[in-house]
Amino acid sequence: MNKAKLIEMMAKSTKLSKSTCKESLESFINEVSKALKQGKQVVLTGFGTFSVMNRKSRTGINPATGKKMVIPAKKVAKFDAKKVEALMQDAGIIRNRLKIEAAINNAKCFLAIQKEFGSFDKYVWGFVGGKPIVNKRKSLSNVPPTTAISDTMSKDMGKRGFKFRGSTICYAFMQAVGMVDDHIDDCWKKGKK
C-alpha cells in the first residue's frame, strides 16, 4: 500500500484532515525509523498505545528509565494536558500527539466497557461467540487484513468513542490475543494455545 492510500484511509477512519494525517504518519515513520536505527524495537500495544524498547530487552521494562512499561488504564485515563506535554518530550516513546491523546481517550473507553460488560475480555470475545476461530490457511498470502467480524468490532468501538481502532488493527488484535488462529496449516503453532 502506498503512502497516499494510507493517508486517505487514515483520514476516512479518523475524520481528520488529510494534511493532519500526513503529518501524523510522517512523524510516526520518522520516530520508528529513528528508534530502529538506535537498535530499539517498536512495539504497538492495544488500540493506539505504543512503546519503544531495546531489542535485547523484552522484559516489559523501559531500558531508558528502568520502569515498568505497562500503565493501568485507570491511570492513563487521568492523564491531563501537562502529562501529554511531558510525554511529547519523552525520547523513550514515539512522540505522536494524536496517538498519545488517542491512548488517553481509549483508556477512558476501555474503562467504560469494563463497567458495562464486566471486563474488556468479555466484550471482545463476544464478537466471536466466546470461542477462537481456527482458519484453514495454506499460505500467508491467504490471511486477510480484515474480516467481517473485525469490521463489526471496529464499527462498534468507533461508536463507543475509540480512536485508532480500524478493522485492520482490530483483526491484528484478534490474532494476537488468540480470538483468531491464522497460523498456516503446516505451522508448528497451528491449533496450540
N, C-alpha and C. Protein backbone atom coordinates (compact mmCIF):
# COMPACT_ATOMS: atom_id res chain seq x y z
N MET A 1 0.85 -1.18 0.00
CA MET A 1 0.00 0.00 0.00
C MET A 1 0.89 1.23 0.00
N ASN A 2 0.55 2.19 -0.86
CA ASN A 2 1.37 3.40 -0.90
C ASN A 2 0.94 4.40 0.17
N LYS A 3 1.81 5.38 0.42
CA LYS A 3 1.58 6.35 1.49
C LYS A 3 0.30 7.16 1.26
N ALA A 4 0.04 7.56 0.01
CA ALA A 4 -1.16 8.37 -0.30
C ALA A 4 -2.43 7.60 0.04
N LYS A 5 -2.46 6.31 -0.28
CA LYS A 5 -3.64 5.48 0.01
C LYS A 5 -3.82 5.33 1.52
N LEU A 6 -2.70 5.14 2.23
CA LEU A 6 -2.76 5.02 3.69
C LEU A 6 -3.28 6.30 4.32
N ILE A 7 -2.82 7.45 3.85
CA ILE A 7 -3.27 8.74 4.37
C ILE A 7 -4.77 8.91 4.11
N GLU A 8 -5.21 8.52 2.93
CA GLU A 8 -6.63 8.59 2.59
C GLU A 8 -7.46 7.72 3.54
N MET A 9 -6.97 6.49 3.81
CA MET A 9 -7.68 5.59 4.72
C MET A 9 -7.70 6.15 6.13
N MET A 10 -6.56 6.72 6.58
CA MET A 10 -6.50 7.32 7.92
C MET A 10 -7.50 8.45 8.05
N ALA A 11 -7.55 9.32 7.04
CA ALA A 11 -8.46 10.47 7.07
C ALA A 11 -9.91 9.99 7.13
N LYS A 12 -10.22 8.99 6.37
CA LYS A 12 -11.59 8.46 6.34
C LYS A 12 -11.97 7.84 7.69
N SER A 13 -11.06 7.05 8.27
CA SER A 13 -11.41 6.35 9.51
C SER A 13 -11.35 7.25 10.75
N THR A 14 -10.51 8.31 10.72
CA THR A 14 -10.37 9.17 11.89
C THR A 14 -11.17 10.46 11.79
N LYS A 15 -11.66 10.77 10.59
CA LYS A 15 -12.40 12.02 10.33
C LYS A 15 -11.50 13.25 10.49
N LEU A 16 -10.17 13.05 10.36
CA LEU A 16 -9.23 14.16 10.42
C LEU A 16 -8.87 14.57 9.00
N SER A 17 -8.31 15.76 8.84
CA SER A 17 -7.93 16.22 7.51
C SER A 17 -6.76 15.38 6.99
N LYS A 18 -6.64 15.33 5.66
CA LYS A 18 -5.55 14.57 5.05
C LYS A 18 -4.19 15.16 5.45
N SER A 19 -4.13 16.49 5.58
CA SER A 19 -2.85 17.11 5.96
C SER A 19 -2.45 16.72 7.38
N THR A 20 -3.43 16.65 8.29
CA THR A 20 -3.15 16.22 9.67
C THR A 20 -2.69 14.77 9.68
N CYS A 21 -3.37 13.92 8.90
CA CYS A 21 -3.00 12.51 8.82
C CYS A 21 -1.61 12.34 8.21
N LYS A 22 -1.30 13.14 7.18
CA LYS A 22 0.01 13.06 6.54
C LYS A 22 1.10 13.44 7.55
N GLU A 23 0.86 14.53 8.28
CA GLU A 23 1.82 14.98 9.29
C GLU A 23 2.01 13.91 10.36
N SER A 24 0.90 13.32 10.81
CA SER A 24 0.96 12.29 11.84
C SER A 24 1.71 11.07 11.34
N LEU A 25 1.42 10.63 10.12
CA LEU A 25 2.08 9.46 9.54
C LEU A 25 3.57 9.72 9.36
N GLU A 26 3.93 10.88 8.84
CA GLU A 26 5.35 11.20 8.63
C GLU A 26 6.09 11.26 9.97
N SER A 27 5.46 11.81 10.98
CA SER A 27 6.05 11.87 12.31
C SER A 27 6.26 10.45 12.84
N PHE A 28 5.25 9.62 12.68
CA PHE A 28 5.32 8.23 13.13
C PHE A 28 6.45 7.49 12.41
N ILE A 29 6.53 7.63 11.09
CA ILE A 29 7.57 6.95 10.30
C ILE A 29 8.96 7.42 10.74
N ASN A 30 9.11 8.73 10.95
CA ASN A 30 10.40 9.27 11.38
C ASN A 30 10.81 8.72 12.74
N GLU A 31 9.86 8.69 13.68
CA GLU A 31 10.17 8.20 15.02
C GLU A 31 10.49 6.71 15.00
N VAL A 32 9.75 5.93 14.21
CA VAL A 32 10.02 4.49 14.10
C VAL A 32 11.40 4.27 13.48
N SER A 33 11.69 4.99 12.41
CA SER A 33 12.99 4.86 11.74
C SER A 33 14.12 5.19 12.70
N LYS A 34 13.96 6.26 13.45
CA LYS A 34 14.97 6.68 14.42
C LYS A 34 15.17 5.61 15.49
N ALA A 35 14.07 5.06 15.99
CA ALA A 35 14.15 4.02 17.03
C ALA A 35 14.85 2.77 16.49
N LEU A 36 14.50 2.37 15.27
CA LEU A 36 15.12 1.18 14.69
C LEU A 36 16.60 1.38 14.45
N LYS A 37 16.99 2.57 14.00
CA LYS A 37 18.41 2.87 13.78
C LYS A 37 19.19 2.82 15.09
N GLN A 38 18.52 3.10 16.20
CA GLN A 38 19.15 3.06 17.52
C GLN A 38 19.13 1.66 18.12
N GLY A 39 18.66 0.69 17.33
CA GLY A 39 18.64 -0.70 17.80
C GLY A 39 17.48 -1.01 18.72
N LYS A 40 16.44 -0.21 18.65
CA LYS A 40 15.28 -0.44 19.50
C LYS A 40 14.19 -1.13 18.71
N GLN A 41 13.31 -1.79 19.43
CA GLN A 41 12.17 -2.45 18.80
C GLN A 41 10.93 -1.60 19.05
N VAL A 42 10.14 -1.39 18.03
CA VAL A 42 8.90 -0.64 18.18
C VAL A 42 7.81 -1.65 18.48
N VAL A 43 7.06 -1.41 19.53
CA VAL A 43 6.00 -2.31 19.94
C VAL A 43 4.68 -1.55 19.95
N LEU A 44 3.73 -1.99 19.15
CA LEU A 44 2.40 -1.40 19.16
C LEU A 44 1.55 -2.28 20.06
N THR A 45 0.93 -1.68 21.05
CA THR A 45 0.16 -2.46 22.01
C THR A 45 -1.25 -1.92 22.10
N GLY A 46 -2.20 -2.79 22.01
CA GLY A 46 -3.59 -2.39 22.19
C GLY A 46 -4.06 -1.44 21.12
N PHE A 47 -4.98 -0.58 21.44
CA PHE A 47 -5.60 0.32 20.49
C PHE A 47 -5.03 1.72 20.66
N GLY A 48 -4.00 2.02 19.88
CA GLY A 48 -3.45 3.36 19.88
C GLY A 48 -2.40 3.60 20.94
N THR A 49 -1.95 2.57 21.62
CA THR A 49 -0.87 2.75 22.58
C THR A 49 0.39 2.17 21.98
N PHE A 50 1.53 2.59 22.45
CA PHE A 50 2.77 2.15 21.86
C PHE A 50 3.90 2.34 22.84
N SER A 51 4.99 1.66 22.59
CA SER A 51 6.20 1.90 23.36
C SER A 51 7.38 1.51 22.49
N VAL A 52 8.53 1.95 22.87
CA VAL A 52 9.76 1.58 22.19
C VAL A 52 10.65 0.94 23.23
N MET A 53 11.23 -0.23 22.92
CA MET A 53 12.13 -0.83 23.88
C MET A 53 13.35 -1.38 23.17
N ASN A 54 14.39 -1.59 23.92
CA ASN A 54 15.62 -2.13 23.39
C ASN A 54 15.35 -3.53 22.88
N ARG A 55 15.87 -3.86 21.69
CA ARG A 55 15.64 -5.19 21.10
C ARG A 55 16.10 -6.31 22.02
N LYS A 56 17.13 -6.06 22.80
CA LYS A 56 17.66 -7.10 23.69
C LYS A 56 16.83 -7.24 24.96
N SER A 57 15.99 -6.27 25.25
CA SER A 57 15.22 -6.28 26.49
C SER A 57 13.74 -6.47 26.20
N ARG A 58 13.26 -7.67 26.38
CA ARG A 58 11.84 -7.94 26.15
C ARG A 58 11.17 -8.23 27.49
N THR A 59 11.61 -7.54 28.52
CA THR A 59 11.15 -7.82 29.87
C THR A 59 9.95 -6.99 30.27
N GLY A 60 9.53 -6.03 29.43
CA GLY A 60 8.46 -5.13 29.83
C GLY A 60 8.98 -3.96 30.64
N ILE A 61 10.30 -3.82 30.70
CA ILE A 61 10.93 -2.72 31.42
C ILE A 61 11.52 -1.77 30.39
N ASN A 62 11.23 -0.49 30.52
CA ASN A 62 11.80 0.52 29.62
C ASN A 62 13.28 0.65 29.97
N PRO A 63 14.18 0.28 29.03
CA PRO A 63 15.61 0.33 29.35
C PRO A 63 16.12 1.73 29.67
N ALA A 64 15.47 2.75 29.13
CA ALA A 64 15.91 4.12 29.37
C ALA A 64 15.63 4.56 30.81
N THR A 65 14.51 4.07 31.38
CA THR A 65 14.13 4.53 32.72
C THR A 65 14.19 3.43 33.77
N GLY A 66 14.21 2.18 33.32
CA GLY A 66 14.18 1.07 34.27
C GLY A 66 12.81 0.83 34.86
N LYS A 67 11.80 1.53 34.35
CA LYS A 67 10.45 1.42 34.89
C LYS A 67 9.60 0.45 34.08
N LYS A 68 8.60 -0.12 34.73
CA LYS A 68 7.64 -1.00 34.07
C LYS A 68 6.90 -0.20 33.00
N MET A 69 6.70 -0.81 31.82
CA MET A 69 6.10 -0.08 30.71
C MET A 69 4.58 -0.19 30.65
N VAL A 70 3.99 -1.12 31.35
CA VAL A 70 2.54 -1.25 31.31
C VAL A 70 1.94 -0.31 32.34
N ILE A 71 1.07 0.57 31.88
CA ILE A 71 0.43 1.54 32.77
C ILE A 71 -1.06 1.21 32.81
N PRO A 72 -1.64 1.03 33.99
CA PRO A 72 -3.06 0.68 34.09
C PRO A 72 -3.96 1.73 33.43
N ALA A 73 -5.04 1.26 32.82
CA ALA A 73 -5.97 2.15 32.11
C ALA A 73 -6.51 3.24 33.03
N LYS A 74 -6.75 2.93 34.30
CA LYS A 74 -7.28 3.94 35.23
C LYS A 74 -6.32 5.12 35.36
N LYS A 75 -5.03 4.83 35.33
CA LYS A 75 -4.04 5.89 35.44
C LYS A 75 -3.95 6.68 34.13
N VAL A 76 -3.92 5.97 33.00
CA VAL A 76 -3.82 6.63 31.69
C VAL A 76 -5.02 7.54 31.46
N ALA A 77 -6.21 7.09 31.87
CA ALA A 77 -7.44 7.87 31.67
C ALA A 77 -7.39 9.21 32.41
N LYS A 78 -6.54 9.31 33.41
CA LYS A 78 -6.43 10.55 34.19
C LYS A 78 -5.34 11.49 33.68
N PHE A 79 -4.62 11.10 32.64
CA PHE A 79 -3.58 11.97 32.10
C PHE A 79 -4.20 13.28 31.64
N ASP A 80 -3.55 14.39 31.97
CA ASP A 80 -4.04 15.72 31.59
C ASP A 80 -3.10 16.36 30.56
N ALA A 81 -3.38 17.60 30.20
CA ALA A 81 -2.58 18.30 29.19
C ALA A 81 -1.11 18.39 29.59
N LYS A 82 -0.85 18.57 30.87
CA LYS A 82 0.53 18.65 31.36
C LYS A 82 1.26 17.32 31.12
N LYS A 83 0.56 16.20 31.35
CA LYS A 83 1.15 14.88 31.13
C LYS A 83 1.38 14.65 29.64
N VAL A 84 0.44 15.10 28.81
CA VAL A 84 0.61 14.95 27.35
C VAL A 84 1.87 15.69 26.91
N GLU A 85 2.06 16.90 27.41
CA GLU A 85 3.25 17.68 27.05
C GLU A 85 4.52 16.98 27.52
N ALA A 86 4.48 16.39 28.72
CA ALA A 86 5.64 15.66 29.22
C ALA A 86 5.93 14.45 28.32
N LEU A 87 4.90 13.75 27.90
CA LEU A 87 5.08 12.60 27.00
C LEU A 87 5.63 13.03 25.65
N MET A 88 5.22 14.20 25.19
CA MET A 88 5.73 14.72 23.91
C MET A 88 7.23 14.99 23.97
N GLN A 89 7.79 15.12 25.16
CA GLN A 89 9.22 15.37 25.33
C GLN A 89 9.99 14.09 25.67
N ASP A 90 9.28 12.98 25.87
CA ASP A 90 9.89 11.72 26.28
C ASP A 90 10.53 11.02 25.09
N ALA A 91 11.86 11.00 25.04
CA ALA A 91 12.57 10.38 23.92
C ALA A 91 12.42 8.86 23.92
N GLY A 92 11.88 8.29 24.99
CA GLY A 92 11.71 6.85 25.09
C GLY A 92 10.47 6.32 24.38
N ILE A 93 9.64 7.21 23.87
CA ILE A 93 8.44 6.78 23.14
C ILE A 93 8.37 7.48 21.80
N ILE A 94 7.48 7.01 20.96
CA ILE A 94 7.22 7.69 19.70
C ILE A 94 6.31 8.86 20.04
N ARG A 95 6.79 10.06 19.81
CA ARG A 95 6.08 11.27 20.24
C ARG A 95 5.12 11.74 19.16
N ASN A 96 3.98 11.14 19.14
CA ASN A 96 2.94 11.48 18.19
C ASN A 96 1.72 11.92 19.01
N ARG A 97 1.41 13.19 18.97
CA ARG A 97 0.35 13.74 19.80
C ARG A 97 -0.98 13.02 19.59
N LEU A 98 -1.33 12.73 18.33
CA LEU A 98 -2.60 12.06 18.06
C LEU A 98 -2.66 10.69 18.73
N LYS A 99 -1.55 9.96 18.70
CA LYS A 99 -1.53 8.63 19.33
C LYS A 99 -1.56 8.73 20.85
N ILE A 100 -0.85 9.71 21.39
CA ILE A 100 -0.86 9.89 22.85
C ILE A 100 -2.28 10.25 23.31
N GLU A 101 -2.90 11.21 22.64
CA GLU A 101 -4.26 11.61 23.01
C GLU A 101 -5.26 10.47 22.79
N ALA A 102 -5.03 9.68 21.74
CA ALA A 102 -5.90 8.52 21.49
C ALA A 102 -5.75 7.48 22.60
N ALA A 103 -4.53 7.28 23.08
CA ALA A 103 -4.31 6.31 24.15
C ALA A 103 -5.07 6.73 25.41
N ILE A 104 -5.07 8.01 25.71
CA ILE A 104 -5.80 8.52 26.88
C ILE A 104 -7.31 8.35 26.68
N ASN A 105 -7.78 8.74 25.52
CA ASN A 105 -9.20 8.58 25.18
C ASN A 105 -9.61 7.10 25.24
N ASN A 106 -8.77 6.23 24.65
CA ASN A 106 -9.09 4.81 24.61
C ASN A 106 -9.09 4.18 25.99
N ALA A 107 -8.25 4.68 26.88
CA ALA A 107 -8.26 4.18 28.26
C ALA A 107 -9.61 4.48 28.91
N LYS A 108 -10.15 5.66 28.65
CA LYS A 108 -11.47 6.01 29.19
C LYS A 108 -12.55 5.12 28.59
N CYS A 109 -12.46 4.87 27.29
CA CYS A 109 -13.43 3.99 26.62
C CYS A 109 -13.31 2.55 27.15
N PHE A 110 -12.07 2.11 27.36
CA PHE A 110 -11.79 0.78 27.90
C PHE A 110 -12.47 0.61 29.27
N LEU A 111 -12.32 1.62 30.12
CA LEU A 111 -12.94 1.56 31.46
C LEU A 111 -14.47 1.54 31.37
N ALA A 112 -15.02 2.28 30.42
CA ALA A 112 -16.48 2.28 30.23
C ALA A 112 -16.96 0.89 29.80
N ILE A 113 -16.20 0.23 28.94
CA ILE A 113 -16.56 -1.13 28.51
C ILE A 113 -16.46 -2.10 29.68
N GLN A 114 -15.42 -1.97 30.49
CA GLN A 114 -15.29 -2.82 31.67
C GLN A 114 -16.51 -2.68 32.57
N LYS A 115 -16.95 -1.45 32.74
CA LYS A 115 -18.11 -1.20 33.60
C LYS A 115 -19.38 -1.81 33.00
N GLU A 116 -19.56 -1.65 31.70
CA GLU A 116 -20.77 -2.15 31.04
C GLU A 116 -20.80 -3.68 30.93
N PHE A 117 -19.67 -4.30 30.58
CA PHE A 117 -19.64 -5.74 30.31
C PHE A 117 -19.04 -6.57 31.44
N GLY A 118 -18.44 -5.92 32.42
CA GLY A 118 -17.77 -6.66 33.49
C GLY A 118 -16.28 -6.83 33.23
N SER A 119 -15.90 -6.88 31.96
CA SER A 119 -14.49 -6.95 31.57
C SER A 119 -14.37 -6.63 30.09
N PHE A 120 -13.19 -6.16 29.70
CA PHE A 120 -12.93 -5.92 28.29
C PHE A 120 -12.88 -7.26 27.56
N ASP A 121 -12.36 -8.27 28.23
CA ASP A 121 -12.28 -9.62 27.70
C ASP A 121 -13.65 -10.13 27.27
N LYS A 122 -14.64 -9.97 28.12
CA LYS A 122 -15.99 -10.42 27.80
C LYS A 122 -16.54 -9.68 26.58
N TYR A 123 -16.25 -8.40 26.50
CA TYR A 123 -16.70 -7.59 25.37
C TYR A 123 -16.10 -8.09 24.05
N VAL A 124 -14.76 -8.19 23.98
CA VAL A 124 -14.14 -8.56 22.70
C VAL A 124 -14.44 -10.00 22.30
N TRP A 125 -14.45 -10.91 23.27
CA TRP A 125 -14.73 -12.31 22.94
C TRP A 125 -16.18 -12.50 22.50
N GLY A 126 -17.04 -11.56 22.84
CA GLY A 126 -18.43 -11.62 22.39
C GLY A 126 -18.55 -11.55 20.87
N PHE A 127 -17.57 -10.95 20.21
CA PHE A 127 -17.61 -10.85 18.76
C PHE A 127 -17.38 -12.19 18.07
N VAL A 128 -16.77 -13.15 18.77
CA VAL A 128 -16.53 -14.48 18.20
C VAL A 128 -17.29 -15.56 18.97
N GLY A 129 -18.28 -15.16 19.73
CA GLY A 129 -19.08 -16.14 20.45
C GLY A 129 -18.34 -16.86 21.57
N GLY A 130 -17.26 -16.26 22.06
CA GLY A 130 -16.52 -16.83 23.18
C GLY A 130 -15.55 -17.94 22.81
N LYS A 131 -15.46 -18.29 21.53
CA LYS A 131 -14.57 -19.37 21.09
C LYS A 131 -13.66 -18.87 19.97
N PRO A 132 -12.40 -19.33 19.96
CA PRO A 132 -11.49 -18.91 18.90
C PRO A 132 -11.95 -19.42 17.53
N ILE A 133 -11.69 -18.63 16.53
CA ILE A 133 -11.95 -19.02 15.15
C ILE A 133 -10.65 -19.61 14.61
N VAL A 134 -10.67 -20.86 14.21
CA VAL A 134 -9.49 -21.52 13.67
C VAL A 134 -9.67 -21.61 12.16
N ASN A 135 -8.88 -20.82 11.45
CA ASN A 135 -8.97 -20.78 10.00
C ASN A 135 -8.02 -21.78 9.35
N LYS A 136 -8.36 -22.21 8.18
CA LYS A 136 -7.51 -23.10 7.37
C LYS A 136 -6.81 -22.21 6.34
N ARG A 137 -5.51 -22.02 6.52
CA ARG A 137 -4.73 -21.17 5.63
C ARG A 137 -3.59 -21.99 5.04
N LYS A 138 -3.49 -21.98 3.73
CA LYS A 138 -2.41 -22.71 3.05
C LYS A 138 -1.12 -21.90 3.02
N SER A 139 -1.24 -20.56 2.96
CA SER A 139 -0.05 -19.71 2.95
C SER A 139 -0.41 -18.35 3.56
N LEU A 140 0.61 -17.58 3.89
CA LEU A 140 0.39 -16.26 4.47
C LEU A 140 -0.38 -15.35 3.54
N SER A 141 -0.26 -15.57 2.24
CA SER A 141 -0.99 -14.73 1.28
C SER A 141 -2.51 -14.95 1.37
N ASN A 142 -2.92 -16.02 2.05
CA ASN A 142 -4.34 -16.29 2.24
C ASN A 142 -4.91 -15.63 3.50
N VAL A 143 -4.06 -14.98 4.29
CA VAL A 143 -4.52 -14.34 5.52
C VAL A 143 -4.98 -12.93 5.18
N PRO A 144 -6.26 -12.63 5.41
CA PRO A 144 -6.77 -11.29 5.07
C PRO A 144 -6.36 -10.25 6.12
N PRO A 145 -6.33 -8.98 5.74
CA PRO A 145 -6.01 -7.92 6.71
C PRO A 145 -7.22 -7.59 7.59
N THR A 146 -8.41 -7.90 7.12
CA THR A 146 -9.64 -7.62 7.87
C THR A 146 -10.65 -8.73 7.57
N THR A 147 -11.68 -8.79 8.39
CA THR A 147 -12.80 -9.71 8.16
C THR A 147 -14.09 -8.99 8.51
N ALA A 148 -15.20 -9.62 8.23
CA ALA A 148 -16.50 -9.02 8.60
C ALA A 148 -16.58 -8.83 10.11
N ILE A 149 -15.99 -9.75 10.87
CA ILE A 149 -16.03 -9.63 12.34
C ILE A 149 -15.18 -8.45 12.81
N SER A 150 -13.98 -8.30 12.23
CA SER A 150 -13.14 -7.16 12.65
C SER A 150 -13.77 -5.84 12.20
N ASP A 151 -14.48 -5.86 11.07
CA ASP A 151 -15.23 -4.67 10.63
C ASP A 151 -16.28 -4.30 11.67
N THR A 152 -17.01 -5.32 12.14
CA THR A 152 -18.07 -5.10 13.14
C THR A 152 -17.48 -4.58 14.44
N MET A 153 -16.37 -5.19 14.87
CA MET A 153 -15.71 -4.76 16.11
C MET A 153 -15.25 -3.31 15.98
N SER A 154 -14.63 -2.97 14.87
CA SER A 154 -14.14 -1.62 14.64
C SER A 154 -15.27 -0.60 14.68
N LYS A 155 -16.36 -0.92 14.02
CA LYS A 155 -17.51 0.00 13.99
C LYS A 155 -18.09 0.18 15.39
N ASP A 156 -18.21 -0.92 16.12
CA ASP A 156 -18.76 -0.82 17.48
C ASP A 156 -17.84 -0.01 18.38
N MET A 157 -16.55 -0.24 18.27
CA MET A 157 -15.60 0.52 19.08
C MET A 157 -15.64 2.00 18.72
N GLY A 158 -15.83 2.29 17.42
CA GLY A 158 -15.95 3.68 16.99
C GLY A 158 -17.16 4.35 17.61
N LYS A 159 -18.28 3.62 17.65
CA LYS A 159 -19.49 4.17 18.27
C LYS A 159 -19.29 4.42 19.76
N ARG A 160 -18.38 3.66 20.35
CA ARG A 160 -18.10 3.81 21.78
C ARG A 160 -17.00 4.84 22.05
N GLY A 161 -16.48 5.46 20.97
CA GLY A 161 -15.53 6.55 21.13
C GLY A 161 -14.07 6.22 20.93
N PHE A 162 -13.71 4.96 20.66
CA PHE A 162 -12.31 4.60 20.46
C PHE A 162 -11.73 5.28 19.23
N LYS A 163 -10.44 5.57 19.29
CA LYS A 163 -9.68 6.14 18.17
C LYS A 163 -8.63 5.12 17.76
N PHE A 164 -8.10 5.24 16.55
CA PHE A 164 -7.09 4.32 16.03
C PHE A 164 -7.52 2.88 16.25
N ARG A 165 -8.70 2.55 15.81
CA ARG A 165 -9.26 1.23 16.03
C ARG A 165 -9.87 0.69 14.73
N GLY A 166 -9.18 0.92 13.62
CA GLY A 166 -9.68 0.43 12.34
C GLY A 166 -9.77 -1.08 12.30
N SER A 167 -10.41 -1.59 11.27
CA SER A 167 -10.63 -3.02 11.14
C SER A 167 -9.33 -3.81 11.10
N THR A 168 -8.29 -3.27 10.46
CA THR A 168 -7.00 -3.98 10.40
C THR A 168 -6.39 -4.09 11.79
N ILE A 169 -6.46 -3.02 12.57
CA ILE A 169 -5.96 -3.05 13.94
C ILE A 169 -6.76 -4.05 14.77
N CYS A 170 -8.08 -4.04 14.61
CA CYS A 170 -8.92 -4.98 15.35
C CYS A 170 -8.58 -6.42 14.98
N TYR A 171 -8.36 -6.69 13.68
CA TYR A 171 -8.04 -8.06 13.28
C TYR A 171 -6.68 -8.49 13.82
N ALA A 172 -5.70 -7.59 13.80
CA ALA A 172 -4.39 -7.91 14.36
C ALA A 172 -4.51 -8.19 15.86
N PHE A 173 -5.34 -7.42 16.55
CA PHE A 173 -5.59 -7.65 17.97
C PHE A 173 -6.23 -9.02 18.18
N MET A 174 -7.22 -9.34 17.35
CA MET A 174 -7.89 -10.65 17.46
C MET A 174 -6.89 -11.79 17.27
N GLN A 175 -5.96 -11.64 16.35
CA GLN A 175 -4.94 -12.66 16.14
C GLN A 175 -4.00 -12.73 17.35
N ALA A 176 -3.59 -11.56 17.85
CA ALA A 176 -2.62 -11.51 18.95
C ALA A 176 -3.14 -12.13 20.23
N VAL A 177 -4.43 -11.98 20.52
CA VAL A 177 -4.97 -12.50 21.77
C VAL A 177 -5.59 -13.89 21.62
N GLY A 178 -5.51 -14.45 20.42
CA GLY A 178 -6.00 -15.82 20.23
C GLY A 178 -7.45 -15.96 19.86
N MET A 179 -8.13 -14.85 19.56
CA MET A 179 -9.52 -14.94 19.12
C MET A 179 -9.60 -15.56 17.73
N VAL A 180 -8.53 -15.40 16.97
CA VAL A 180 -8.43 -15.94 15.61
C VAL A 180 -7.09 -16.66 15.49
N ASP A 181 -7.11 -17.88 14.96
CA ASP A 181 -5.88 -18.61 14.69
C ASP A 181 -5.70 -18.64 13.18
N ASP A 182 -4.77 -17.81 12.69
CA ASP A 182 -4.48 -17.74 11.27
C ASP A 182 -3.14 -18.38 10.92
N HIS A 183 -2.62 -19.21 11.82
CA HIS A 183 -1.37 -19.91 11.50
C HIS A 183 -1.62 -20.78 10.28
N ILE A 184 -0.64 -20.78 9.36
CA ILE A 184 -0.82 -21.61 8.17
C ILE A 184 -0.84 -23.07 8.58
N ASP A 185 -1.45 -23.90 7.75
CA ASP A 185 -1.72 -25.29 8.11
C ASP A 185 -0.50 -26.08 8.56
N ASP A 186 0.68 -25.82 7.98
CA ASP A 186 1.86 -26.60 8.36
C ASP A 186 2.72 -25.92 9.43
N CYS A 187 2.19 -24.88 10.06
CA CYS A 187 2.92 -24.19 11.14
C CYS A 187 2.88 -25.02 12.42
N TRP A 188 3.99 -25.07 13.13
CA TRP A 188 4.06 -25.85 14.37
C TRP A 188 3.15 -25.28 15.47
N LYS A 189 2.76 -24.01 15.35
CA LYS A 189 1.87 -23.38 16.35
C LYS A 189 0.39 -23.59 16.03
N LYS A 190 0.06 -24.14 14.88
CA LYS A 190 -1.33 -24.30 14.48
C LYS A 190 -2.09 -25.08 15.54
N GLY A 191 -3.18 -24.46 16.02
CA GLY A 191 -4.06 -25.11 16.99
C GLY A 191 -3.57 -25.13 18.42
N LYS A 192 -2.38 -24.56 18.68
CA LYS A 192 -1.85 -24.55 20.05
C LYS A 192 -2.19 -23.24 20.72
N LYS A 193 -2.35 -23.29 22.04
CA LYS A 193 -2.66 -22.08 22.81
C LYS A 193 -1.41 -21.41 23.26
